[in-house]
Structure formats: structure tokens, C-alpha cells
Amino acid sequence: MLSLREPKVESLRKMLSHWANQPLSYRPADLPKGGFIADEHRVRLGTGQEAYAAAKQKLDAWVMFPQWARIIQATEGQQASTLVAMVVRICGLWWINPCRILRRHDGAMTHGFTYGTLPEHAECGEEMFLIEMQTDGSVWYVIRAFSRPRHWMAWLAFPLARWWQCRFVRDSQRRMMTDECS
């Protein structure tokens, strides 16, 4: 969804509640085929339980989102069915990209979630954010996505859309590798 003005948090939360019963913008059975681009990016964050706990805390606080992108939640947390909107300004337009958290990936050595796009999102597909601890004690931040453009402007400017996706990954990894938690 596009806006000429920066959307206010209250109006975004109303939009998210309106989108609560919207279907996903794709058929999960089409993943990873169906013209979707598969991406996986990994970066090592450190070693040991302390690094793992710190990375999990950052993920839970949405630190992985670059400062140029805002996350608005309908409700707190990252549980399945929670709605979120990523808001970003690109080329003078505010893009509001709603998603639904589909599942958690929590185990003894993993922590994270996957969300899927709703019809108002510029792209369609799924994205997973995961913290992994390997058996050697190394801690990794993983972003895995299946996506393709949905909005006509994203199709038209496909190279620019891919550039923004790569920028997101690079900036997200940078944020997760810093010692800051905000």
C-alpha cells in the first residue's frame, strides 16, 4: 500500500486490524516454485550461550530491521497470527507492507519466526528470521526468503526492488552484528 504522507502509528494499527482476516497474497503450496526467487543469507554473530542469548533478545526486539524501516505491530510479540507492517520511504512514497507471522522456529538451538505477505504488500512470499546455534557453538543470523513482486510498481522497477531487498539484508546483518540493542 502506498501513501504520499508518513502514516501515523494509530492509523497503521487500524489498518492492521482491518487486514486481520485477509488471506496471504500467495499460495503456500507455490513455494519455492511458482516464479519465486529464493534467497538465503547468513552471518556469524559470535560464539557461545551469551552470544546466542543476546541475538535472541535482539530478534525479539525487532533490532534486525534497519533504522530506515519501521515495524508496527497490531499486538506485541512475534507469535503466530500476529500482524505487522513494515513501513519504508522509497522514492518519495511511503510503502506500507503488511505481513502475518505464520510460525515460530524455537528449539534448543534455534529461535525465530516466518512471516507471510498480505495482499497490500509490494512483494508476495515468505521471509524467515532465525538465530541458530551450531554444534560448534557458533551463533548465526539467517534470513531466508521466497519472494516475487506483487505491486505493479515493484514489477516495473524490478532491479530497484531487488536492490532494496539486498540493502535490507546488508543493513539487517549490520544491525544484528553490533553490540547495541536499540
C-alpha atoms as a PDB file:
ATOM      1  CA  MET A   1       0.000   0.000   0.000  1.00  0.00           C
ATOM      2  CA  LEU A   2       1.315   3.437  -0.893  1.00  0.00           C
ATOM      3  CA  SER A   3       0.940   6.770   0.869  1.00  0.00           C
ATOM      4  CA  LEU A   4       2.155  10.241  -0.012  1.00  0.00           C
ATOM      5  CA  ARG A   5       2.435  11.106   3.694  1.00  0.00           C
ATOM      6  CA  GLU A   6       4.104   9.281   6.515  1.00  0.00           C
ATOM      7  CA  PRO A   7       1.389   7.147   8.117  1.00  0.00           C
ATOM      8  CA  LYS A   8       0.683   7.612  11.802  1.00  0.00           C
ATOM      9  CA  VAL A   9       1.065   4.650  14.157  1.00  0.00           C
ATOM     10  CA  GLU A  10      -2.622   4.792  15.204  1.00  0.00           C
ATOM     11  CA  SER A  11      -3.835   4.626  11.600  1.00  0.00           C
ATOM     12  CA  LEU A  12      -1.411   1.788  10.852  1.00  0.00           C
ATOM     13  CA  ARG A  13      -2.760  -0.227  13.771  1.00  0.00           C
ATOM     14  CA  LYS A  14      -6.317   0.332  12.494  1.00  0.00           C
ATOM     15  CA  MET A  15      -5.244  -0.858   9.049  1.00  0.00           C
ATOM     16  CA  LEU A  16      -3.647  -3.952  10.569  1.00  0.00           C
ATOM     17  CA  SER A  17      -6.845  -4.810  12.428  1.00  0.00           C
ATOM     18  CA  HIS A  18      -8.750  -4.343   9.147  1.00  0.00           C
ATOM     19  CA  TRP A  19      -6.342  -6.762   7.448  1.00  0.00           C
ATOM     20  CA  ALA A  20      -6.635  -9.378  10.214  1.00  0.00           C
ATOM     21  CA  ASN A  21      -8.826 -11.702   8.147  1.00  0.00           C
ATOM     22  CA  GLN A  22      -7.101 -11.113   4.816  1.00  0.00           C
ATOM     23  CA  PRO A  23      -5.670 -14.173   3.097  1.00  0.00           C
ATOM     24  CA  LEU A  24      -1.991 -14.389   2.235  1.00  0.00           C
ATOM     25  CA  SER A  25      -1.006 -12.809  -1.091  1.00  0.00           C
ATOM     26  CA  TYR A  26       0.266 -16.157  -2.413  1.00  0.00           C
ATOM     27  CA  ARG A  27      -0.488 -19.843  -2.117  1.00  0.00           C
ATOM     28  CA  PRO A  28       1.958 -21.517   0.295  1.00  0.00           C
ATOM     29  CA  ALA A  29       1.860 -24.587  -1.963  1.00  0.00           C
ATOM     30  CA  ASP A  30       3.576 -22.474  -4.668  1.00  0.00           C
ATOM     31  CA  LEU A  31       6.722 -22.029  -2.554  1.00  0.00           C
ATOM     32  CA  PRO A  32       9.537 -22.345  -3.535  1.00  0.00           C
ATOM     33  CA  LYS A  33       8.402 -22.800  -7.143  1.00  0.00           C
ATOM     34  CA  GLY A  34       5.854 -20.577  -8.894  1.00  0.00           C
ATOM     35  CA  GLY A  35       8.280 -17.873 -10.034  1.00  0.00           C
ATOM     36  CA  PHE A  36       9.533 -17.063  -6.542  1.00  0.00           C
ATOM     37  CA  ILE A  37      13.134 -16.011  -6.016  1.00  0.00           C
ATOM     38  CA  ALA A  38      14.759 -17.970  -3.199  1.00  0.00           C
ATOM     39  CA  ASP A  39      17.297 -16.136  -1.053  1.00  0.00           C
ATOM     40  CA  GLU A  40      19.281 -17.235   1.979  1.00  0.00           C
ATOM     41  CA  HIS A  41      21.745 -15.003   3.799  1.00  0.00           C
ATOM     42  CA  ARG A  42      23.765 -15.972   6.863  1.00  0.00           C
ATOM     43  CA  VAL A  43      26.139 -14.039   9.055  1.00  0.00           C
ATOM     44  CA  ARG A  44      28.074 -15.231  12.077  1.00  0.00           C
ATOM     45  CA  LEU A  45      27.274 -13.255  15.225  1.00  0.00           C
ATOM     46  CA  GLY A  46      29.638 -14.881  17.710  1.00  0.00           C
ATOM     47  CA  THR A  47      30.146 -17.989  19.799  1.00  0.00           C
ATOM     48  CA  GLY A  48      28.569 -19.440  22.919  1.00  0.00           C
ATOM     49  CA  GLN A  49      25.455 -19.167  25.043  1.00  0.00           C
ATOM     50  CA  GLU A  50      25.944 -15.468  25.784  1.00  0.00           C
ATOM     51  CA  ALA A  51      26.068 -14.581  22.079  1.00  0.00           C
ATOM     52  CA  TYR A  52      23.043 -16.816  21.446  1.00  0.00           C
ATOM     53  CA  ALA A  53      21.002 -15.193  24.235  1.00  0.00           C
ATOM     54  CA  ALA A  54      21.926 -11.669  23.046  1.00  0.00           C
ATOM     55  CA  ALA A  55      20.993 -12.494  19.438  1.00  0.00           C
ATOM     56  CA  LYS A  56      17.634 -13.940  20.517  1.00  0.00           C
ATOM     57  CA  GLN A  57      16.927 -10.776  22.522  1.00  0.00           C
ATOM     58  CA  LYS A  58      17.719  -8.574  19.503  1.00  0.00           C
ATOM     59  CA  LEU A  59      15.473 -10.631  17.245  1.00  0.00           C
ATOM     60  CA  ASP A  60      12.611 -10.415  19.757  1.00  0.00           C
ATOM     61  CA  ALA A  61      13.055  -6.618  19.897  1.00  0.00           C
ATOM     62  CA  TRP A  62      12.960  -6.326  16.065  1.00  0.00           C
ATOM     63  CA  VAL A  63      16.520  -4.941  16.061  1.00  0.00           C
ATOM     64  CA  MET A  64      17.135  -6.758  12.768  1.00  0.00           C
ATOM     65  CA  PHE A  65      15.058  -4.147  10.942  1.00  0.00           C
ATOM     66  CA  PRO A  66      17.231  -1.318   9.625  1.00  0.00           C
ATOM     67  CA  GLN A  67      16.690   2.152  11.038  1.00  0.00           C
ATOM     68  CA  TRP A  68      15.198   3.288   7.722  1.00  0.00           C
ATOM     69  CA  ALA A  69      12.373   0.741   8.105  1.00  0.00           C
ATOM     70  CA  ARG A  70       9.772   0.839  10.869  1.00  0.00           C
ATOM     71  CA  ILE A  71       7.857  -2.142  12.206  1.00  0.00           C
ATOM     72  CA  ILE A  72       4.351  -1.547  13.527  1.00  0.00           C
ATOM     73  CA  GLN A  73       2.624  -4.397  15.322  1.00  0.00           C
ATOM     74  CA  ALA A  74      -1.093  -4.932  15.834  1.00  0.00           C
ATOM     75  CA  THR A  75      -0.221  -6.609  19.148  1.00  0.00           C
ATOM     76  CA  GLU A  76       3.040  -7.186  20.990  1.00  0.00           C
ATOM     77  CA  GLY A  77       5.105 -10.275  20.395  1.00  0.00           C
ATOM     78  CA  GLN A  78       6.013 -12.476  17.481  1.00  0.00           C
ATOM     79  CA  GLN A  79       3.552 -15.297  17.903  1.00  0.00           C
ATOM     80  CA  ALA A  80       1.780 -16.990  15.009  1.00  0.00           C
ATOM     81  CA  SER A  81      -1.102 -14.883  13.614  1.00  0.00           C
ATOM     82  CA  THR A  82       0.414 -11.580  14.854  1.00  0.00           C
ATOM     83  CA  LEU A  83       0.107  -8.877  12.190  1.00  0.00           C
ATOM     84  CA  VAL A  84       2.946  -6.472  11.457  1.00  0.00           C
ATOM     85  CA  ALA A  85       3.558  -3.749   8.901  1.00  0.00           C
ATOM     86  CA  MET A  86       6.965  -2.715   7.640  1.00  0.00           C
ATOM     87  CA  VAL A  87       6.896   0.949   6.655  1.00  0.00           C
ATOM     88  CA  VAL A  88       9.611   2.411   4.453  1.00  0.00           C
ATOM     89  CA  ARG A  89      10.014   5.513   2.319  1.00  0.00           C
ATOM     90  CA  ILE A  90      11.271   4.839  -1.210  1.00  0.00           C
ATOM     91  CA  CYS A  91      11.418   7.422  -3.989  1.00  0.00           C
ATOM     92  CA  GLY A  92       9.272   9.862  -2.000  1.00  0.00           C
ATOM     93  CA  LEU A  93       6.475   7.357  -1.381  1.00  0.00           C
ATOM     94  CA  TRP A  94       5.632   5.595   1.883  1.00  0.00           C
ATOM     95  CA  TRP A  95       5.270   1.863   1.348  1.00  0.00           C
ATOM     96  CA  ILE A  96       3.177   0.016   3.931  1.00  0.00           C
ATOM     97  CA  ASN A  97       3.868  -3.709   3.733  1.00  0.00           C
ATOM     98  CA  PRO A  98       1.608  -5.861   5.945  1.00  0.00           C
ATOM     99  CA  CYS A  99       2.535  -9.400   6.959  1.00  0.00           C
ATOM    100  CA  ARG A 100       1.234 -12.138   9.228  1.00  0.00           C
ATOM    101  CA  ILE A 101       3.556 -14.192  11.389  1.00  0.00           C
ATOM    102  CA  LEU A 102       2.893 -17.759  10.300  1.00  0.00           C
ATOM    103  CA  ARG A 103       5.046 -19.880  12.574  1.00  0.00           C
ATOM    104  CA  ARG A 104       7.750 -19.885  15.218  1.00  0.00           C
ATOM    105  CA  HIS A 105      11.047 -21.764  14.893  1.00  0.00           C
ATOM    106  CA  ASP A 106      12.019 -22.294  18.502  1.00  0.00           C
ATOM    107  CA  GLY A 107      14.113 -25.186  19.657  1.00  0.00           C
ATOM    108  CA  ALA A 108      17.152 -25.825  21.793  1.00  0.00           C
ATOM    109  CA  MET A 109      19.413 -24.326  19.091  1.00  0.00           C
ATOM    110  CA  THR A 110      17.041 -22.161  17.031  1.00  0.00           C
ATOM    111  CA  HIS A 111      14.955 -19.066  17.694  1.00  0.00           C
ATOM    112  CA  GLY A 112      12.898 -17.116  15.201  1.00  0.00           C
ATOM    113  CA  PHE A 113       9.814 -16.852  13.038  1.00  0.00           C
ATOM    114  CA  THR A 114       8.483 -16.766   9.485  1.00  0.00           C
ATOM    115  CA  TYR A 115       6.014 -14.247   8.180  1.00  0.00           C
ATOM    116  CA  GLY A 116       3.957 -14.199   5.008  1.00  0.00           C
ATOM    117  CA  THR A 117       2.807 -11.228   2.983  1.00  0.00           C
ATOM    118  CA  LEU A 118      -0.758  -9.937   2.843  1.00  0.00           C
ATOM    119  CA  PRO A 119      -2.382  -8.551  -0.339  1.00  0.00           C
ATOM    120  CA  GLU A 120      -1.363  -4.908   0.327  1.00  0.00           C
ATOM    121  CA  HIS A 121       2.363  -5.795   0.441  1.00  0.00           C
ATOM    122  CA  ALA A 122       4.562  -4.703  -2.504  1.00  0.00           C
ATOM    123  CA  GLU A 123       6.004  -8.227  -2.722  1.00  0.00           C
ATOM    124  CA  CYS A 124       4.476 -11.607  -2.131  1.00  0.00           C
ATOM    125  CA  GLY A 125       6.030 -14.534  -0.364  1.00  0.00           C
ATOM    126  CA  GLU A 126       7.569 -15.506   2.955  1.00  0.00           C
ATOM    127  CA  GLU A 127      10.562 -14.391   4.962  1.00  0.00           C
ATOM    128  CA  MET A 128      12.189 -16.177   7.879  1.00  0.00           C
ATOM    129  CA  PHE A 129      14.339 -14.540  10.548  1.00  0.00           C
ATOM    130  CA  LEU A 130      16.292 -17.082  12.580  1.00  0.00           C
ATOM    131  CA  ILE A 131      19.035 -17.270  15.166  1.00  0.00           C
ATOM    132  CA  GLU A 132      20.896 -20.598  15.036  1.00  0.00           C
ATOM    133  CA  MET A 133      23.478 -22.060  17.352  1.00  0.00           C
ATOM    134  CA  GLN A 134      25.590 -24.697  15.616  1.00  0.00           C
ATOM    135  CA  THR A 135      27.042 -27.720  17.418  1.00  0.00           C
ATOM    136  CA  ASP A 136      30.454 -25.993  17.424  1.00  0.00           C
ATOM    137  CA  GLY A 137      28.906 -23.143  19.472  1.00  0.00           C
ATOM    138  CA  SER A 138      28.887 -20.618  16.624  1.00  0.00           C
ATOM    139  CA  VAL A 139      25.837 -18.342  16.501  1.00  0.00           C
ATOM    140  CA  TRP A 140      24.345 -17.344  13.153  1.00  0.00           C
ATOM    141  CA  TYR A 141      21.685 -14.903  11.974  1.00  0.00           C
ATOM    142  CA  VAL A 142      19.792 -16.327   8.997  1.00  0.00           C
ATOM    143  CA  ILE A 143      17.352 -14.612   6.639  1.00  0.00           C
ATOM    144  CA  ARG A 144      15.589 -16.952   4.224  1.00  0.00           C
ATOM    145  CA  ALA A 145      13.016 -15.657   1.753  1.00  0.00           C
ATOM    146  CA  PHE A 146      10.857 -16.691  -1.166  1.00  0.00           C
ATOM    147  CA  SER A 147       9.548 -13.615  -2.933  1.00  0.00           C
ATOM    148  CA  ARG A 148       8.410 -12.046  -6.155  1.00  0.00           C
ATOM    149  CA  PRO A 149       6.964  -8.608  -6.932  1.00  0.00           C
ATOM    150  CA  ARG A 150       3.228  -8.188  -6.392  1.00  0.00           C
ATOM    151  CA  HIS A 151       2.610  -4.442  -6.873  1.00  0.00           C
ATOM    152  CA  TRP A 152       2.837  -3.221 -10.479  1.00  0.00           C
ATOM    153  CA  MET A 153       5.486  -0.650  -9.482  1.00  0.00           C
ATOM    154  CA  ALA A 154       7.624  -3.417  -7.966  1.00  0.00           C
ATOM    155  CA  TRP A 155       7.314  -5.379 -11.238  1.00  0.00           C
ATOM    156  CA  LEU A 156       8.122  -2.326 -13.330  1.00  0.00           C
ATOM    157  CA  ALA A 157      11.148  -1.379 -11.225  1.00  0.00           C
ATOM    158  CA  PHE A 158      12.277  -4.953 -10.520  1.00  0.00           C
ATOM    159  CA  PRO A 159      16.031  -4.153 -10.444  1.00  0.00           C
ATOM    160  CA  LEU A 160      15.382  -1.370  -7.927  1.00  0.00           C
ATOM    161  CA  ALA A 161      13.167  -3.670  -5.844  1.00  0.00           C
ATOM    162  CA  ARG A 162      15.952  -6.295  -5.743  1.00  0.00           C
ATOM    163  CA  TRP A 163      18.464  -3.594  -4.778  1.00  0.00           C
ATOM    164  CA  TRP A 164      16.232  -2.609  -1.823  1.00  0.00           C
ATOM    165  CA  GLN A 165      15.940  -6.254  -0.779  1.00  0.00           C
ATOM    166  CA  CYS A 166      19.733  -6.633  -0.840  1.00  0.00           C
ATOM    167  CA  ARG A 167      20.126  -3.366   1.058  1.00  0.00           C
ATOM    168  CA  PHE A 168      17.679  -4.646   3.674  1.00  0.00           C
ATOM    169  CA  VAL A 169      19.739  -7.833   4.144  1.00  0.00           C
ATOM    170  CA  ARG A 170      23.039  -5.955   4.386  1.00  0.00           C
ATOM    171  CA  ASP A 171      21.675  -3.372   6.864  1.00  0.00           C
ATOM    172  CA  SER A 172      19.840  -6.040   8.855  1.00  0.00           C
ATOM    173  CA  GLN A 173      23.002  -8.089   9.234  1.00  0.00           C
ATOM    174  CA  ARG A 174      24.933  -4.993  10.271  1.00  0.00           C
ATOM    175  CA  ARG A 175      22.367  -4.210  12.980  1.00  0.00           C
ATOM    176  CA  MET A 176      22.462  -7.747  14.320  1.00  0.00           C
ATOM    177  CA  MET A 177      26.281  -7.733  14.434  1.00  0.00           C
ATOM    178  CA  THR A 178      26.521  -4.561  16.529  1.00  0.00           C
ATOM    179  CA  ASP A 179      26.637  -4.604  20.316  1.00  0.00           C
ATOM    180  CA  GLU A 180      23.694  -2.202  20.572  1.00  0.00           C
ATOM    181  CA  CYS A 181      20.207  -3.401  21.403  1.00  0.00           C
ATOM    182  CA  SER A 182      18.295  -0.431  20.003  1.00  0.00           C
END
